[in-house]
């Protein structure tokens, strides 16, 4: 999968997240972390392809390994932009992820994975897919 197809899959998956969740809100609770991880990975139309990229990312960045640390870092970035991913409706979550990915590129917060230049958020989302699939 080349970068263009990967980014297309991410964009389509983020749009598809809105339909998948149907505007529901997530309530924090004991299973919130697992729900957050699953919700974030649901943005991918091709989660297995994302997981393959994620494994390469985690090979080079073992400090990022684990679903909880990855989801926590992604959620922290979203919260810093005013979006609580456990309370946001799907439109808010989709918009916040898009803004965060763009901000990563704008500030050169990027990661090289197999010759691709990914935003830190994209790489972490792929890493998250690798850890839970």
Protein backbone atom coordinates (compact mmCIF):
# COMPACT_ATOMS: atom_id res chain seq x y z
CA UNK A 1 0.00 0.00 0.00
CA UNK A 2 1.50 3.34 -0.98
CA UNK A 3 1.13 6.55 1.02
CA UNK A 4 -1.61 7.93 -1.25
CA UNK A 5 -3.77 4.83 -0.77
CA UNK A 6 -2.99 4.78 2.95
CA UNK A 7 -4.06 8.41 3.37
CA UNK A 8 -7.17 7.74 1.32
CA UNK A 9 -8.01 4.83 3.58
CA UNK A 10 -7.48 6.98 6.69
CA UNK A 11 -9.64 9.79 5.31
CA UNK A 12 -12.39 7.41 4.28
CA UNK A 13 -12.23 5.58 7.56
CA UNK A 14 -12.53 8.78 9.57
CA UNK A 15 -15.58 9.70 7.52
CA UNK A 16 -16.94 6.18 8.02
CA UNK A 17 -16.51 6.50 11.77
CA UNK A 18 -19.41 8.93 11.83
CA UNK A 19 -21.75 6.40 10.26
CA UNK A 20 -20.41 3.53 12.37
CA UNK A 21 -21.02 5.23 15.67
CA UNK A 22 -24.25 6.87 14.57
CA UNK A 23 -23.72 10.00 16.61
CA UNK A 24 -23.52 8.16 19.93
CA UNK A 25 -21.52 9.45 22.85
CA UNK A 26 -19.12 7.30 24.82
CA UNK A 27 -19.52 7.43 28.58
CA UNK A 28 -16.37 7.07 30.66
CA UNK A 29 -16.31 3.89 32.71
CA UNK A 30 -14.21 0.86 33.54
CA UNK A 31 -14.12 -0.24 29.91
CA UNK A 32 -13.41 3.26 28.58
CA UNK A 33 -9.81 2.52 27.61
CA UNK A 34 -10.76 -0.51 25.51
CA UNK A 35 -13.65 1.44 23.99
CA UNK A 36 -11.32 4.32 23.18
CA UNK A 37 -8.80 2.01 21.53
CA UNK A 38 -11.48 0.27 19.48
CA UNK A 39 -13.09 3.55 18.52
CA UNK A 40 -9.79 5.01 17.34
CA UNK A 41 -8.86 1.93 15.30
CA UNK A 42 -12.31 1.94 13.73
CA UNK A 43 -11.21 4.92 11.62
CA UNK A 44 -9.38 2.52 9.29
CA UNK A 45 -11.14 0.96 6.31
CA UNK A 46 -8.21 -1.46 6.06
CA UNK A 47 -7.22 -2.05 9.69
CA UNK A 48 -4.94 -5.00 8.84
CA UNK A 49 -2.92 -2.79 6.47
CA UNK A 50 -2.73 -0.12 9.16
CA UNK A 51 -1.59 -2.79 11.62
CA UNK A 52 1.22 -3.81 9.25
CA UNK A 53 2.45 -0.21 9.17
CA UNK A 54 1.94 -0.04 12.93
CA UNK A 55 4.17 -3.07 13.53
CA UNK A 56 6.98 -1.36 11.61
CA UNK A 57 6.43 1.81 13.64
CA UNK A 58 6.52 -0.12 16.92
CA UNK A 59 9.68 -1.99 15.86
CA UNK A 60 11.45 1.37 15.62
CA UNK A 61 9.67 2.94 18.62
CA UNK A 62 9.27 0.24 21.29
CA UNK A 63 8.61 2.92 23.93
CA UNK A 64 5.24 3.45 22.21
CA UNK A 65 4.22 -0.23 22.47
CA UNK A 66 0.93 -1.16 24.09
CA UNK A 67 -2.66 -0.22 23.43
CA UNK A 68 -3.06 1.81 26.60
CA UNK A 69 0.00 4.08 26.11
CA UNK A 70 -0.86 4.65 22.44
CA UNK A 71 -4.53 5.43 23.06
CA UNK A 72 -3.57 7.64 26.01
CA UNK A 73 -1.11 9.66 23.91
CA UNK A 74 -3.59 10.11 21.07
CA UNK A 75 -6.33 11.09 23.54
CA UNK A 76 -4.01 13.57 25.28
CA UNK A 77 -3.29 15.29 21.97
CA UNK A 78 -6.99 15.45 21.19
CA UNK A 79 -7.78 16.84 24.65
CA UNK A 80 -5.09 19.51 24.19
CA UNK A 81 -7.08 20.62 21.13
CA UNK A 82 -10.30 20.77 23.15
CA UNK A 83 -11.75 17.37 22.26
CA UNK A 84 -12.41 14.74 24.92
CA UNK A 85 -12.50 11.55 22.81
CA UNK A 86 -14.60 9.75 25.41
CA UNK A 87 -17.30 12.42 25.34
CA UNK A 88 -17.07 13.78 21.81
CA UNK A 89 -19.71 12.90 19.29
CA UNK A 90 -18.41 11.32 16.13
CA UNK A 91 -18.28 14.54 14.13
CA UNK A 92 -16.19 16.18 16.85
CA UNK A 93 -13.85 13.20 17.05
CA UNK A 94 -13.41 13.04 13.29
CA UNK A 95 -12.67 16.76 13.06
CA UNK A 96 -10.27 16.63 16.01
CA UNK A 97 -8.29 13.74 14.49
CA UNK A 98 -8.06 15.58 11.18
CA UNK A 99 -6.88 18.76 12.91
CA UNK A 100 -4.35 16.84 14.97
CA UNK A 101 -2.89 15.08 11.93
CA UNK A 102 -2.62 18.41 10.10
CA UNK A 103 -1.03 20.04 13.17
CA UNK A 104 1.52 17.21 13.32
CA UNK A 105 2.57 17.95 9.75
CA UNK A 106 2.53 21.72 10.34
CA UNK A 107 4.92 21.34 13.28
CA UNK A 108 7.05 18.61 11.70
CA UNK A 109 5.92 16.09 14.32
CA UNK A 110 6.41 13.28 11.90
CA UNK A 111 7.74 9.74 11.83
CA UNK A 112 9.49 7.87 9.02
CA UNK A 113 8.07 4.38 8.55
CA UNK A 114 9.18 2.24 5.60
CA UNK A 115 10.04 5.28 3.53
CA UNK A 116 6.74 7.01 4.33
CA UNK A 117 6.44 10.24 6.25
CA UNK A 118 3.53 9.90 8.68
CA UNK A 119 2.25 12.29 11.29
CA UNK A 120 2.88 11.10 14.84
CA UNK A 121 -0.87 10.67 15.24
CA UNK A 122 -1.13 8.51 12.10
CA UNK A 123 1.80 6.37 13.23
CA UNK A 124 0.30 5.93 16.69
CA UNK A 125 -3.10 5.03 15.24
CA UNK A 126 -1.39 2.36 13.13
CA UNK A 127 0.55 1.18 16.17
CA UNK A 128 -2.71 0.95 18.08
CA UNK A 129 -4.19 -1.15 15.30
CA UNK A 130 -1.17 -3.45 15.51
CA UNK A 131 -1.61 -3.94 19.24
CA UNK A 132 -5.32 -4.73 19.28
CA UNK A 133 -5.78 -6.73 16.05
